[in-house]
Amino acid sequence: MEHRFEKEYGCLVLRMPEELDHHQAEFLKEEADGLILKYPVRSLIFDFSDTRFMDSSGIGVIIGRCKNVRFSGGYVKAVNLNGQLDRIFRLSGLKKIIEVE
């Protein structure tokens, strides 16, 4: 499984996989948490450009990483949501806690 990460000046961009299900979510959580601990992350951006499917495990990944980054005073943003993902964000309440661009 390959996820793409970019780190620059306190900003971590996570390029989300095409399908964010339970198996992908577990790997992504571990990888993201390791990067958040290793580097001084002030902002976390979830890039959903390639994502076509996300289940409740994906919502958990986002909420958990959001808590980790906000604990240290950072902020979280989601970008490039397609129509289906935008609906998931709205119905789950993620739009109320995460900036969506």
Protein backbone atom coordinates (compact mmCIF):
# COMPACT_ATOMS: atom_id res chain seq x y z
CA MET A 1 0.00 0.00 0.00
CA GLU A 2 1.43 3.32 -0.98
CA HIS A 3 0.22 6.60 0.41
CA ARG A 4 1.72 9.87 -0.59
CA PHE A 5 2.86 12.32 2.02
CA GLU A 6 4.38 15.75 1.60
CA LYS A 7 6.02 17.66 4.44
CA GLU A 8 7.01 21.30 4.18
CA TYR A 9 7.46 24.01 6.81
CA GLY A 10 5.23 22.46 9.46
CA CYS A 11 2.56 21.39 6.96
CA LEU A 12 1.78 17.74 6.30
CA VAL A 13 -0.29 16.89 3.23
CA LEU A 14 -1.79 13.39 3.18
CA ARG A 15 -2.89 12.28 -0.27
CA MET A 16 -5.67 9.86 0.50
CA PRO A 17 -5.95 6.50 -1.32
CA GLU A 18 -8.55 5.70 -3.97
CA GLU A 19 -10.47 3.51 -1.52
CA LEU A 20 -10.34 4.44 2.15
CA ASP A 21 -11.71 1.32 3.84
CA HIS A 22 -10.84 -0.51 7.09
CA HIS A 23 -7.57 -2.01 5.81
CA GLN A 24 -6.31 1.24 4.28
CA ALA A 25 -7.42 3.17 7.36
CA GLU A 26 -5.31 1.10 9.75
CA PHE A 27 -2.18 1.57 7.69
CA LEU A 28 -2.87 5.27 7.16
CA LYS A 29 -3.43 5.88 10.90
CA GLU A 30 -0.11 4.34 11.84
CA GLU A 31 1.79 6.13 9.09
CA ALA A 32 0.21 9.54 9.76
CA ASP A 33 0.65 9.31 13.54
CA GLY A 34 4.31 8.47 13.07
CA LEU A 35 4.83 11.49 10.82
CA ILE A 36 2.91 13.80 13.17
CA LEU A 37 5.12 12.71 16.08
CA LYS A 38 8.35 12.85 14.09
CA TYR A 39 7.90 16.28 12.48
CA PRO A 40 6.56 19.51 13.97
CA VAL A 41 3.18 19.53 12.18
CA ARG A 42 1.23 22.77 12.58
CA SER A 43 -1.23 22.09 9.78
CA LEU A 44 -2.58 18.87 8.35
CA ILE A 45 -4.23 18.76 4.93
CA PHE A 46 -6.16 15.73 3.70
CA ASP A 47 -6.11 15.70 -0.11
CA PHE A 48 -8.95 13.61 -1.53
CA SER A 49 -8.10 14.13 -5.23
CA ASP A 50 -7.85 10.39 -5.93
CA THR A 51 -10.42 9.10 -3.43
CA ARG A 52 -13.57 7.49 -4.84
CA PHE A 53 -14.78 5.56 -1.77
CA MET A 54 -14.64 6.15 1.98
CA ASP A 55 -16.42 4.26 4.76
CA SER A 56 -16.73 4.98 8.49
CA SER A 57 -13.13 3.88 9.03
CA GLY A 58 -12.03 6.84 6.95
CA ILE A 59 -14.09 9.18 9.12
CA GLY A 60 -12.30 7.74 12.16
CA VAL A 61 -8.89 8.35 10.57
CA ILE A 62 -9.75 11.99 9.97
CA ILE A 63 -11.17 12.62 13.44
CA GLY A 64 -8.26 10.90 15.20
CA ARG A 65 -5.56 12.79 13.29
CA CYS A 66 -7.51 16.02 13.78
CA LYS A 67 -7.36 15.53 17.56
CA ASN A 68 -3.64 14.80 17.41
CA VAL A 69 -2.81 17.93 15.45
CA ARG A 70 -5.16 20.24 17.33
CA PHE A 71 -3.71 19.06 20.65
CA SER A 72 -0.49 20.83 19.69
CA GLY A 73 -2.29 23.94 18.44
CA GLY A 74 -2.45 23.07 14.74
CA TYR A 75 -5.34 23.05 12.28
CA VAL A 76 -6.81 20.57 9.81
CA LYS A 77 -8.26 21.03 6.34
CA ALA A 78 -9.73 18.74 3.67
CA VAL A 79 -9.37 19.55 -0.02
CA ASN A 80 -10.59 18.21 -3.38
CA LEU A 81 -13.73 16.41 -2.20
CA ASN A 82 -15.91 14.90 -4.90
CA GLY A 83 -19.72 14.98 -4.60
CA GLN A 84 -19.99 11.69 -2.73
CA LEU A 85 -17.27 12.61 -0.23
CA ASP A 86 -18.75 16.05 0.27
CA ARG A 87 -22.04 14.38 1.19
CA ILE A 88 -20.26 12.03 3.64
CA PHE A 89 -18.54 15.01 5.26
CA ARG A 90 -21.84 16.87 5.56
CA LEU A 91 -23.88 13.94 6.91
CA SER A 92 -21.20 12.81 9.37
CA GLY A 93 -20.67 16.30 10.77
CA LEU A 94 -17.04 16.50 9.65
CA LYS A 95 -17.75 19.83 7.93
CA LYS A 96 -18.51 21.31 11.34
CA ILE A 97 -15.10 20.41 12.78
CA ILE A 98 -12.79 20.53 9.74
CA GLU A 99 -12.33 23.28 7.20
CA VAL A 100 -13.29 22.05 3.72
CA GLU A 101 -11.93 23.73 0.63
